[in-house]
Amino acid sequence: MVKYALLLAALAGAAHADPETDRAMFGFRFGAGVIPLEHRQAATLSLGLSAEHQIAPRWRVLGEYEWVWLGHDATATMPELRGDGSRAHVGVRRRLGEKRWYEMAIYADADLGIGFMLANDNMTGMQALPDAFAGVHVGYAERTFRHASPSKAFEADLFVRVLALTDGAGFVGGMGMAWQ
C-alpha cells in the first residue's frame, strides 16, 4: 500500500494541469454504510473533508479524512455495538463522461484508492483497519461563476463506494460538495 501512496504523490508532483483549473478542490461529505467489524456488520455514519487536485484533463488525485460513528443493535447472542473512529483515504479519480450545458455539466466519475481506519468500540477496543476502495460518483459541476466570487467551480455529487477490509467487504454511500 505504501508503494501506491508514493506513486500517487509522485504523479501529483510531476503532473501539471490546465492553469485555469490548477487550483485544488476542497469539500465535505456525508455518508452512511456498513463495514465488517468482529465478524458482524457494523453500521456507519460519517462526516468527512476532501481535497482533490487535477493532474491531467480527466484525472485527479484525492485525499480524504472522515470521522465515523459505528453502531449495531443488540442481538440474542451479542450486545449492542457502539463506537467511533477516524478514516483517511488517498486515491485517484477519473472523469468517465459529462454532458455540458453552458457553464454547468452533469458528470460521472470513478475513483480508486487505499485507506486506513482507526476505530474504537465498546466490544473490541481500538482497532487498526486498512482498506481499499472503488467507487462511482454522479453529480453536477458549475465551472464559471459570473458573479463576484473567489470560487471558480462548484461540484455536488452522490457517491457509492465498495470497501475491501481484512474481515470482508463493506460499502458506503452518500453526498458531497466541493469548491475550487
N, C-alpha and C. Protein backbone atom coordinates (compact mmCIF):
# COMPACT_ATOMS: atom_id res chain seq x y z
N MET A 1 0.82 -1.19 0.00
CA MET A 1 0.00 0.00 0.00
C MET A 1 0.86 1.26 0.00
N VAL A 2 2.01 1.19 0.67
CA VAL A 2 2.90 2.34 0.73
C VAL A 2 3.41 2.68 -0.66
N LYS A 3 3.69 1.65 -1.48
CA LYS A 3 4.16 1.88 -2.84
C LYS A 3 3.13 2.67 -3.65
N TYR A 4 1.85 2.31 -3.51
CA TYR A 4 0.80 3.01 -4.25
C TYR A 4 0.65 4.45 -3.78
N ALA A 5 0.76 4.68 -2.48
CA ALA A 5 0.68 6.05 -1.95
C ALA A 5 1.84 6.89 -2.47
N LEU A 6 3.04 6.33 -2.52
CA LEU A 6 4.20 7.06 -3.05
C LEU A 6 4.04 7.33 -4.54
N LEU A 7 3.47 6.38 -5.28
CA LEU A 7 3.22 6.58 -6.70
C LEU A 7 2.24 7.73 -6.92
N LEU A 8 1.17 7.78 -6.12
CA LEU A 8 0.20 8.87 -6.24
C LEU A 8 0.84 10.21 -5.93
N ALA A 9 1.70 10.26 -4.91
CA ALA A 9 2.38 11.51 -4.57
C ALA A 9 3.31 11.95 -5.68
N ALA A 10 4.00 11.01 -6.31
CA ALA A 10 4.90 11.34 -7.42
C ALA A 10 4.12 11.87 -8.61
N LEU A 11 2.98 11.26 -8.92
CA LEU A 11 2.14 11.74 -10.02
C LEU A 11 1.66 13.15 -9.76
N ALA A 12 1.25 13.43 -8.54
CA ALA A 12 0.74 14.76 -8.20
C ALA A 12 1.84 15.80 -8.32
N GLY A 13 3.06 15.45 -7.94
CA GLY A 13 4.16 16.41 -8.00
C GLY A 13 4.67 16.65 -9.41
N ALA A 14 4.60 15.65 -10.27
CA ALA A 14 5.17 15.76 -11.61
C ALA A 14 4.19 16.29 -12.64
N ALA A 15 2.92 16.13 -12.43
CA ALA A 15 1.92 16.49 -13.44
C ALA A 15 1.52 17.95 -13.30
N HIS A 16 1.16 18.54 -14.43
CA HIS A 16 0.67 19.91 -14.46
C HIS A 16 -0.66 19.93 -15.17
N ALA A 17 -1.62 20.57 -14.55
CA ALA A 17 -2.95 20.64 -15.14
C ALA A 17 -3.11 21.97 -15.87
N ASP A 18 -4.27 22.16 -16.43
CA ASP A 18 -4.63 23.41 -17.08
C ASP A 18 -4.55 24.55 -16.07
N PRO A 19 -3.87 25.66 -16.38
CA PRO A 19 -3.75 26.76 -15.41
C PRO A 19 -5.10 27.29 -14.94
N GLU A 20 -6.13 27.19 -15.78
CA GLU A 20 -7.45 27.67 -15.39
C GLU A 20 -8.06 26.84 -14.26
N THR A 21 -7.73 25.55 -14.21
CA THR A 21 -8.30 24.66 -13.19
C THR A 21 -7.21 24.08 -12.29
N ASP A 22 -6.08 24.77 -12.17
CA ASP A 22 -4.94 24.25 -11.42
C ASP A 22 -5.12 24.35 -9.91
N ARG A 23 -6.17 24.97 -9.44
CA ARG A 23 -6.39 25.08 -8.01
C ARG A 23 -7.04 23.82 -7.47
N ALA A 24 -6.78 23.52 -6.22
CA ALA A 24 -7.34 22.32 -5.59
C ALA A 24 -8.83 22.51 -5.30
N MET A 25 -9.55 21.39 -5.28
CA MET A 25 -10.96 21.38 -4.89
C MET A 25 -11.00 20.95 -3.42
N PHE A 26 -11.71 21.69 -2.59
CA PHE A 26 -11.89 21.34 -1.19
C PHE A 26 -13.38 21.17 -0.93
N GLY A 27 -13.73 20.16 -0.13
CA GLY A 27 -15.14 19.93 0.11
C GLY A 27 -15.41 19.10 1.34
N PHE A 28 -16.66 18.68 1.45
CA PHE A 28 -17.08 17.84 2.57
C PHE A 28 -18.02 16.78 2.06
N ARG A 29 -18.19 15.72 2.86
CA ARG A 29 -19.04 14.58 2.50
C ARG A 29 -19.83 14.11 3.71
N PHE A 30 -21.02 13.62 3.44
CA PHE A 30 -21.82 12.89 4.41
C PHE A 30 -22.01 11.50 3.85
N GLY A 31 -21.85 10.48 4.70
CA GLY A 31 -22.01 9.12 4.19
C GLY A 31 -22.62 8.19 5.21
N ALA A 32 -23.14 7.09 4.74
CA ALA A 32 -23.67 6.02 5.59
C ALA A 32 -23.36 4.71 4.90
N GLY A 33 -23.10 3.69 5.69
CA GLY A 33 -22.78 2.41 5.10
C GLY A 33 -22.66 1.31 6.12
N VAL A 34 -21.95 0.26 5.72
CA VAL A 34 -21.77 -0.93 6.54
C VAL A 34 -20.34 -1.42 6.34
N ILE A 35 -19.66 -1.80 7.45
CA ILE A 35 -18.34 -2.42 7.35
C ILE A 35 -18.31 -3.65 8.25
N PRO A 36 -17.51 -4.66 7.89
CA PRO A 36 -17.38 -5.83 8.77
C PRO A 36 -16.46 -5.49 9.95
N LEU A 37 -16.95 -5.78 11.15
CA LEU A 37 -16.18 -5.49 12.35
C LEU A 37 -16.43 -6.62 13.34
N GLU A 38 -15.41 -7.40 13.63
CA GLU A 38 -15.51 -8.53 14.56
C GLU A 38 -16.61 -9.51 14.16
N HIS A 39 -16.59 -9.93 12.91
CA HIS A 39 -17.48 -10.97 12.37
C HIS A 39 -18.96 -10.58 12.35
N ARG A 40 -19.25 -9.31 12.35
CA ARG A 40 -20.62 -8.84 12.14
C ARG A 40 -20.58 -7.48 11.46
N GLN A 41 -21.66 -7.15 10.80
CA GLN A 41 -21.73 -5.92 10.04
C GLN A 41 -22.07 -4.75 10.96
N ALA A 42 -21.22 -3.74 10.98
CA ALA A 42 -21.44 -2.54 11.79
C ALA A 42 -21.92 -1.42 10.88
N ALA A 43 -22.98 -0.76 11.27
CA ALA A 43 -23.47 0.39 10.52
C ALA A 43 -22.55 1.57 10.77
N THR A 44 -22.35 2.40 9.74
CA THR A 44 -21.50 3.57 9.88
C THR A 44 -22.22 4.81 9.40
N LEU A 45 -21.95 5.91 10.06
CA LEU A 45 -22.31 7.26 9.61
C LEU A 45 -21.01 8.04 9.60
N SER A 46 -20.80 8.87 8.59
CA SER A 46 -19.53 9.58 8.51
C SER A 46 -19.71 11.01 8.04
N LEU A 47 -18.82 11.85 8.51
CA LEU A 47 -18.72 13.24 8.10
C LEU A 47 -17.26 13.45 7.73
N GLY A 48 -16.99 13.90 6.51
CA GLY A 48 -15.61 13.96 6.06
C GLY A 48 -15.25 15.23 5.32
N LEU A 49 -13.94 15.46 5.22
CA LEU A 49 -13.36 16.55 4.45
C LEU A 49 -12.59 15.94 3.29
N SER A 50 -12.56 16.63 2.15
CA SER A 50 -11.87 16.10 0.99
C SER A 50 -11.06 17.19 0.30
N ALA A 51 -9.98 16.76 -0.35
CA ALA A 51 -9.17 17.65 -1.19
C ALA A 51 -8.81 16.87 -2.44
N GLU A 52 -8.93 17.53 -3.59
CA GLU A 52 -8.61 16.91 -4.87
C GLU A 52 -7.80 17.89 -5.70
N HIS A 53 -6.86 17.35 -6.47
CA HIS A 53 -6.04 18.20 -7.34
C HIS A 53 -5.96 17.55 -8.71
N GLN A 54 -6.25 18.32 -9.74
CA GLN A 54 -6.24 17.79 -11.11
C GLN A 54 -4.80 17.60 -11.56
N ILE A 55 -4.50 16.39 -12.11
CA ILE A 55 -3.15 16.09 -12.59
C ILE A 55 -3.11 15.88 -14.10
N ALA A 56 -4.26 15.72 -14.71
CA ALA A 56 -4.39 15.56 -16.16
C ALA A 56 -5.82 15.96 -16.50
N PRO A 57 -6.16 16.12 -17.79
CA PRO A 57 -7.51 16.59 -18.12
C PRO A 57 -8.65 15.79 -17.49
N ARG A 58 -8.54 14.49 -17.34
CA ARG A 58 -9.63 13.70 -16.76
C ARG A 58 -9.26 13.04 -15.44
N TRP A 59 -8.07 13.33 -14.90
CA TRP A 59 -7.58 12.65 -13.70
C TRP A 59 -7.33 13.63 -12.56
N ARG A 60 -7.66 13.19 -11.35
CA ARG A 60 -7.36 13.95 -10.13
C ARG A 60 -6.80 13.00 -9.08
N VAL A 61 -5.94 13.51 -8.22
CA VAL A 61 -5.55 12.77 -7.02
C VAL A 61 -6.45 13.29 -5.91
N LEU A 62 -6.73 12.43 -4.93
CA LEU A 62 -7.63 12.83 -3.85
C LEU A 62 -7.07 12.41 -2.50
N GLY A 63 -7.45 13.16 -1.51
CA GLY A 63 -7.16 12.84 -0.12
C GLY A 63 -8.40 13.15 0.70
N GLU A 64 -8.74 12.28 1.63
CA GLU A 64 -9.96 12.46 2.43
C GLU A 64 -9.70 12.09 3.88
N TYR A 65 -10.43 12.76 4.76
CA TYR A 65 -10.44 12.41 6.17
C TYR A 65 -11.90 12.36 6.60
N GLU A 66 -12.28 11.31 7.33
CA GLU A 66 -13.67 11.17 7.79
C GLU A 66 -13.69 10.84 9.28
N TRP A 67 -14.66 11.39 9.97
CA TRP A 67 -14.99 10.95 11.32
C TRP A 67 -16.15 9.99 11.17
N VAL A 68 -16.02 8.79 11.73
CA VAL A 68 -17.00 7.72 11.51
C VAL A 68 -17.62 7.30 12.84
N TRP A 69 -18.94 7.21 12.88
CA TRP A 69 -19.65 6.66 14.04
C TRP A 69 -20.05 5.23 13.71
N LEU A 70 -19.84 4.32 14.64
CA LEU A 70 -20.13 2.90 14.44
C LEU A 70 -21.29 2.48 15.33
N GLY A 71 -22.08 1.53 14.87
CA GLY A 71 -23.17 1.04 15.69
C GLY A 71 -23.80 -0.21 15.13
N HIS A 72 -24.38 -1.01 16.02
CA HIS A 72 -25.14 -2.19 15.63
C HIS A 72 -26.05 -2.53 16.79
N ASP A 73 -27.31 -2.85 16.50
CA ASP A 73 -28.26 -3.21 17.54
C ASP A 73 -27.86 -4.52 18.22
N ALA A 74 -28.31 -4.69 19.43
CA ALA A 74 -28.05 -5.92 20.17
C ALA A 74 -28.83 -7.08 19.56
N THR A 75 -28.24 -8.26 19.62
CA THR A 75 -28.91 -9.49 19.19
C THR A 75 -29.01 -10.41 20.39
N ALA A 76 -29.57 -11.60 20.18
CA ALA A 76 -29.72 -12.55 21.29
C ALA A 76 -28.36 -13.01 21.82
N THR A 77 -27.34 -13.04 20.97
CA THR A 77 -26.03 -13.53 21.39
C THR A 77 -24.97 -12.45 21.54
N MET A 78 -25.24 -11.23 21.03
CA MET A 78 -24.25 -10.16 21.07
C MET A 78 -24.87 -8.89 21.63
N PRO A 79 -24.14 -8.18 22.48
CA PRO A 79 -24.65 -6.89 22.99
C PRO A 79 -24.54 -5.80 21.91
N GLU A 80 -25.09 -4.66 22.22
CA GLU A 80 -25.06 -3.52 21.30
C GLU A 80 -23.62 -3.09 21.04
N LEU A 81 -23.31 -2.77 19.79
CA LEU A 81 -22.00 -2.25 19.40
C LEU A 81 -22.13 -0.76 19.18
N ARG A 82 -21.25 0.00 19.77
CA ARG A 82 -21.22 1.44 19.53
C ARG A 82 -19.77 1.90 19.65
N GLY A 83 -19.42 2.88 18.83
CA GLY A 83 -18.06 3.39 18.84
C GLY A 83 -17.89 4.46 17.78
N ASP A 84 -16.65 4.84 17.56
CA ASP A 84 -16.33 5.84 16.55
C ASP A 84 -14.91 5.63 16.06
N GLY A 85 -14.52 6.42 15.10
CA GLY A 85 -13.17 6.28 14.56
C GLY A 85 -12.85 7.34 13.54
N SER A 86 -11.62 7.30 13.06
CA SER A 86 -11.12 8.20 12.02
C SER A 86 -10.68 7.35 10.84
N ARG A 87 -11.03 7.83 9.63
CA ARG A 87 -10.64 7.11 8.42
C ARG A 87 -10.00 8.11 7.46
N ALA A 88 -8.87 7.72 6.85
CA ALA A 88 -8.18 8.54 5.85
C ALA A 88 -8.03 7.73 4.57
N HIS A 89 -8.21 8.40 3.43
CA HIS A 89 -8.08 7.76 2.12
C HIS A 89 -7.21 8.61 1.20
N VAL A 90 -6.45 7.95 0.33
CA VAL A 90 -5.77 8.59 -0.79
C VAL A 90 -6.10 7.77 -2.03
N GLY A 91 -6.18 8.45 -3.17
CA GLY A 91 -6.51 7.71 -4.38
C GLY A 91 -6.52 8.59 -5.60
N VAL A 92 -7.09 8.06 -6.67
CA VAL A 92 -7.24 8.79 -7.92
C VAL A 92 -8.72 8.77 -8.32
N ARG A 93 -9.10 9.80 -9.06
CA ARG A 93 -10.47 9.92 -9.54
C ARG A 93 -10.41 10.26 -11.02
N ARG A 94 -11.25 9.59 -11.82
CA ARG A 94 -11.24 9.81 -13.26
C ARG A 94 -12.64 10.16 -13.75
N ARG A 95 -12.72 11.17 -14.60
CA ARG A 95 -13.98 11.56 -15.21
C ARG A 95 -14.31 10.56 -16.30
N LEU A 96 -15.44 9.86 -16.16
CA LEU A 96 -15.87 8.87 -17.15
C LEU A 96 -16.62 9.52 -18.31
N GLY A 97 -17.38 10.56 -17.99
CA GLY A 97 -18.14 11.25 -19.03
C GLY A 97 -18.87 12.43 -18.45
N GLU A 98 -19.24 13.35 -19.33
CA GLU A 98 -20.01 14.51 -18.90
C GLU A 98 -20.81 15.07 -20.05
N LYS A 99 -21.87 15.75 -19.71
CA LYS A 99 -22.71 16.44 -20.69
C LYS A 99 -22.80 17.89 -20.23
N ARG A 100 -22.37 18.81 -21.09
CA ARG A 100 -22.31 20.23 -20.72
C ARG A 100 -23.52 21.01 -21.26
N TRP A 101 -24.00 21.94 -20.45
CA TRP A 101 -24.98 22.94 -20.83
C TRP A 101 -24.47 24.26 -20.30
N TYR A 102 -23.99 25.12 -21.18
CA TYR A 102 -23.42 26.42 -20.81
C TYR A 102 -22.32 26.22 -19.77
N GLU A 103 -22.45 26.77 -18.57
CA GLU A 103 -21.41 26.61 -17.56
C GLU A 103 -21.62 25.41 -16.65
N MET A 104 -22.68 24.66 -16.87
CA MET A 104 -22.98 23.52 -16.00
C MET A 104 -22.74 22.20 -16.74
N ALA A 105 -22.32 21.19 -15.98
CA ALA A 105 -22.08 19.87 -16.56
C ALA A 105 -22.64 18.80 -15.64
N ILE A 106 -23.27 17.80 -16.20
CA ILE A 106 -23.68 16.59 -15.48
C ILE A 106 -22.57 15.58 -15.77
N TYR A 107 -22.06 14.91 -14.72
CA TYR A 107 -20.91 14.03 -14.93
C TYR A 107 -21.04 12.72 -14.17
N ALA A 108 -20.18 11.78 -14.57
CA ALA A 108 -20.00 10.50 -13.86
C ALA A 108 -18.49 10.31 -13.71
N ASP A 109 -18.06 9.98 -12.50
CA ASP A 109 -16.66 9.75 -12.18
C ASP A 109 -16.50 8.38 -11.52
N ALA A 110 -15.29 7.86 -11.58
CA ALA A 110 -14.93 6.65 -10.83
C ALA A 110 -13.70 6.96 -10.01
N ASP A 111 -13.60 6.37 -8.82
CA ASP A 111 -12.40 6.56 -8.00
C ASP A 111 -11.91 5.23 -7.46
N LEU A 112 -10.63 5.22 -7.11
CA LEU A 112 -9.95 4.02 -6.67
C LEU A 112 -8.84 4.44 -5.73
N GLY A 113 -8.66 3.72 -4.61
CA GLY A 113 -7.60 4.10 -3.70
C GLY A 113 -7.46 3.18 -2.51
N ILE A 114 -6.67 3.64 -1.56
CA ILE A 114 -6.40 2.88 -0.34
C ILE A 114 -6.65 3.78 0.86
N GLY A 115 -6.82 3.16 2.02
CA GLY A 115 -7.09 3.93 3.21
C GLY A 115 -6.77 3.18 4.48
N PHE A 116 -7.07 3.85 5.57
CA PHE A 116 -6.77 3.31 6.88
C PHE A 116 -7.78 3.89 7.87
N MET A 117 -8.34 3.04 8.70
CA MET A 117 -9.29 3.49 9.72
C MET A 117 -8.79 3.06 11.09
N LEU A 118 -8.86 3.96 12.02
CA LEU A 118 -8.56 3.67 13.41
C LEU A 118 -9.89 3.76 14.15
N ALA A 119 -10.41 2.60 14.58
CA ALA A 119 -11.74 2.51 15.17
C ALA A 119 -11.64 2.13 16.65
N ASN A 120 -12.56 2.64 17.44
CA ASN A 120 -12.63 2.31 18.86
C ASN A 120 -14.09 2.02 19.18
N ASP A 121 -14.38 0.82 19.70
CA ASP A 121 -15.76 0.48 20.03
C ASP A 121 -15.81 -0.23 21.37
N ASN A 122 -17.01 -0.40 21.89
CA ASN A 122 -17.20 -0.98 23.22
C ASN A 122 -16.98 -2.49 23.26
N MET A 123 -16.89 -3.15 22.10
CA MET A 123 -16.73 -4.61 22.07
C MET A 123 -15.26 -5.03 21.98
N THR A 124 -14.50 -4.37 21.13
CA THR A 124 -13.13 -4.82 20.86
C THR A 124 -12.07 -3.80 21.22
N GLY A 125 -12.46 -2.62 21.60
CA GLY A 125 -11.47 -1.58 21.89
C GLY A 125 -10.93 -0.97 20.61
N MET A 126 -9.67 -0.57 20.63
CA MET A 126 -9.03 0.10 19.49
C MET A 126 -8.60 -0.92 18.44
N GLN A 127 -8.90 -0.60 17.16
CA GLN A 127 -8.51 -1.47 16.04
C GLN A 127 -7.97 -0.63 14.90
N ALA A 128 -6.97 -1.16 14.22
CA ALA A 128 -6.44 -0.55 13.00
C ALA A 128 -6.99 -1.36 11.82
N LEU A 129 -7.68 -0.69 10.91
CA LEU A 129 -8.36 -1.36 9.80
C LEU A 129 -7.91 -0.79 8.46
N PRO A 130 -6.93 -1.40 7.78
CA PRO A 130 -6.58 -0.94 6.42
C PRO A 130 -7.68 -1.32 5.44
N ASP A 131 -7.84 -0.52 4.40
CA ASP A 131 -8.86 -0.83 3.39
C ASP A 131 -8.42 -0.36 2.01
N ALA A 132 -9.13 -0.83 1.02
CA ALA A 132 -9.03 -0.37 -0.36
C ALA A 132 -10.45 -0.04 -0.80
N PHE A 133 -10.60 0.90 -1.74
CA PHE A 133 -11.94 1.28 -2.16
C PHE A 133 -12.01 1.49 -3.66
N ALA A 134 -13.22 1.34 -4.17
CA ALA A 134 -13.55 1.67 -5.56
C ALA A 134 -14.95 2.24 -5.54
N GLY A 135 -15.18 3.32 -6.27
CA GLY A 135 -16.48 3.96 -6.20
C GLY A 135 -16.88 4.66 -7.48
N VAL A 136 -18.14 5.11 -7.48
CA VAL A 136 -18.72 5.84 -8.59
C VAL A 136 -19.40 7.09 -8.03
N HIS A 137 -19.22 8.21 -8.74
CA HIS A 137 -19.84 9.49 -8.38
C HIS A 137 -20.69 9.96 -9.55
N VAL A 138 -21.87 10.48 -9.27
CA VAL A 138 -22.73 11.09 -10.28
C VAL A 138 -23.15 12.44 -9.71
N GLY A 139 -22.96 13.49 -10.50
CA GLY A 139 -23.29 14.81 -9.98
C GLY A 139 -23.31 15.88 -11.04
N TYR A 140 -23.27 17.13 -10.56
CA TYR A 140 -23.21 18.25 -11.49
C TYR A 140 -22.10 19.20 -11.04
N ALA A 141 -21.56 19.92 -12.01
CA ALA A 141 -20.48 20.87 -11.75
C ALA A 141 -20.80 22.17 -12.45
N GLU A 142 -20.52 23.27 -11.79
CA GLU A 142 -20.60 24.59 -12.40
C GLU A 142 -19.19 25.14 -12.41
N ARG A 143 -18.64 25.40 -13.58
CA ARG A 143 -17.23 25.75 -13.72
C ARG A 143 -16.93 27.23 -13.69
N THR A 144 -17.83 28.09 -14.05
CA THR A 144 -17.54 29.52 -14.10
C THR A 144 -18.64 30.27 -13.38
N PHE A 145 -18.25 31.14 -12.50
CA PHE A 145 -19.23 31.98 -11.81
C PHE A 145 -19.18 33.38 -12.41
N ARG A 146 -20.33 33.92 -12.73
CA ARG A 146 -20.38 35.25 -13.33
C ARG A 146 -20.47 36.35 -12.28
N HIS A 147 -20.73 35.98 -11.06
CA HIS A 147 -20.80 36.99 -10.01
C HIS A 147 -19.45 37.09 -9.31
N ALA A 148 -19.31 38.07 -8.45
CA ALA A 148 -18.03 38.30 -7.77
C ALA A 148 -17.82 37.25 -6.68
N SER A 149 -17.15 36.17 -7.02
CA SER A 149 -16.87 35.10 -6.09
C SER A 149 -15.45 34.61 -6.32
N PRO A 150 -14.73 34.31 -5.24
CA PRO A 150 -13.39 33.75 -5.42
C PRO A 150 -13.43 32.30 -5.92
N SER A 151 -14.57 31.64 -5.84
CA SER A 151 -14.69 30.25 -6.31
C SER A 151 -14.75 30.20 -7.83
N LYS A 152 -14.01 29.28 -8.42
CA LYS A 152 -14.02 29.09 -9.87
C LYS A 152 -14.85 27.89 -10.28
N ALA A 153 -15.21 27.04 -9.31
CA ALA A 153 -16.01 25.85 -9.63
C ALA A 153 -16.73 25.37 -8.39
N PHE A 154 -17.86 24.72 -8.61
CA PHE A 154 -18.64 24.08 -7.56
C PHE A 154 -19.08 22.74 -8.08
N GLU A 155 -18.97 21.69 -7.25
CA GLU A 155 -19.43 20.36 -7.62
C GLU A 155 -20.27 19.78 -6.50
N ALA A 156 -21.34 19.11 -6.86
CA ALA A 156 -22.17 18.37 -5.91
C ALA A 156 -22.42 17.00 -6.51
N ASP A 157 -22.29 15.94 -5.69
CA ASP A 157 -22.47 14.60 -6.23
C ASP A 157 -23.04 13.64 -5.22
N LEU A 158 -23.55 12.54 -5.75
CA LEU A 158 -23.94 11.37 -4.97
C LEU A 158 -22.90 10.31 -5.26
N PHE A 159 -22.51 9.54 -4.25
CA PHE A 159 -21.47 8.54 -4.48
C PHE A 159 -21.82 7.23 -3.79
N VAL A 160 -21.23 6.15 -4.33
CA VAL A 160 -21.31 4.81 -3.75
C VAL A 160 -19.90 4.23 -3.86
N ARG A 161 -19.43 3.63 -2.76
CA ARG A 161 -18.11 3.01 -2.74
C ARG A 161 -18.19 1.62 -2.14
N VAL A 162 -17.39 0.72 -2.67
CA VAL A 162 -17.18 -0.60 -2.08
C VAL A 162 -15.86 -0.54 -1.35
N LEU A 163 -15.85 -1.02 -0.11
CA LEU A 163 -14.64 -1.03 0.72
C LEU A 163 -14.21 -2.48 0.92
N ALA A 164 -12.95 -2.76 0.69
CA ALA A 164 -12.38 -4.09 0.95
C ALA A 164 -11.52 -3.98 2.20
N LEU A 165 -11.95 -4.67 3.27
CA LEU A 165 -11.22 -4.69 4.53
C LEU A 165 -10.70 -6.10 4.79
N THR A 166 -9.87 -6.27 5.80
CA THR A 166 -9.30 -7.59 6.08
C THR A 166 -10.37 -8.59 6.50
N ASP A 167 -11.47 -8.16 7.13
CA ASP A 167 -12.54 -9.06 7.57
C ASP A 167 -13.63 -9.26 6.53
N GLY A 168 -13.54 -8.61 5.37
CA GLY A 168 -14.57 -8.75 4.35
C GLY A 168 -14.82 -7.44 3.63
N ALA A 169 -15.97 -7.35 2.99
CA ALA A 169 -16.31 -6.18 2.19
C ALA A 169 -17.41 -5.37 2.86
N GLY A 170 -17.38 -4.08 2.63
CA GLY A 170 -18.41 -3.17 3.11
C GLY A 170 -18.74 -2.18 2.01
N PHE A 171 -19.60 -1.23 2.30
CA PHE A 171 -19.93 -0.20 1.33
C PHE A 171 -20.29 1.07 2.07
N VAL A 172 -20.21 2.17 1.36
CA VAL A 172 -20.64 3.46 1.88
C VAL A 172 -21.25 4.24 0.72
N GLY A 173 -22.25 5.01 1.00
CA GLY A 173 -22.89 5.86 0.01
C GLY A 173 -23.25 7.17 0.66
N GLY A 174 -23.38 8.20 -0.13
CA GLY A 174 -23.74 9.50 0.45
C GLY A 174 -23.69 10.61 -0.57
N MET A 175 -23.47 11.82 -0.07
CA MET A 175 -23.41 13.00 -0.92
C MET A 175 -22.23 13.85 -0.52
N GLY A 176 -21.72 14.63 -1.48
CA GLY A 176 -20.62 15.52 -1.23
C GLY A 176 -20.72 16.80 -2.02
N MET A 177 -20.01 17.82 -1.56
CA MET A 177 -19.92 19.10 -2.25
C MET A 177 -18.49 19.58 -2.17
N ALA A 178 -18.01 20.24 -3.22
CA ALA A 178 -16.64 20.75 -3.24
C ALA A 178 -16.58 22.05 -4.01
N TRP A 179 -15.62 22.90 -3.63
CA TRP A 179 -15.40 24.20 -4.26
C TRP A 179 -13.95 24.31 -4.68
N GLN A 180 -13.72 25.08 -5.76
CA GLN A 180 -12.36 25.36 -6.20
C GLN A 180 -12.06 26.81 -5.98
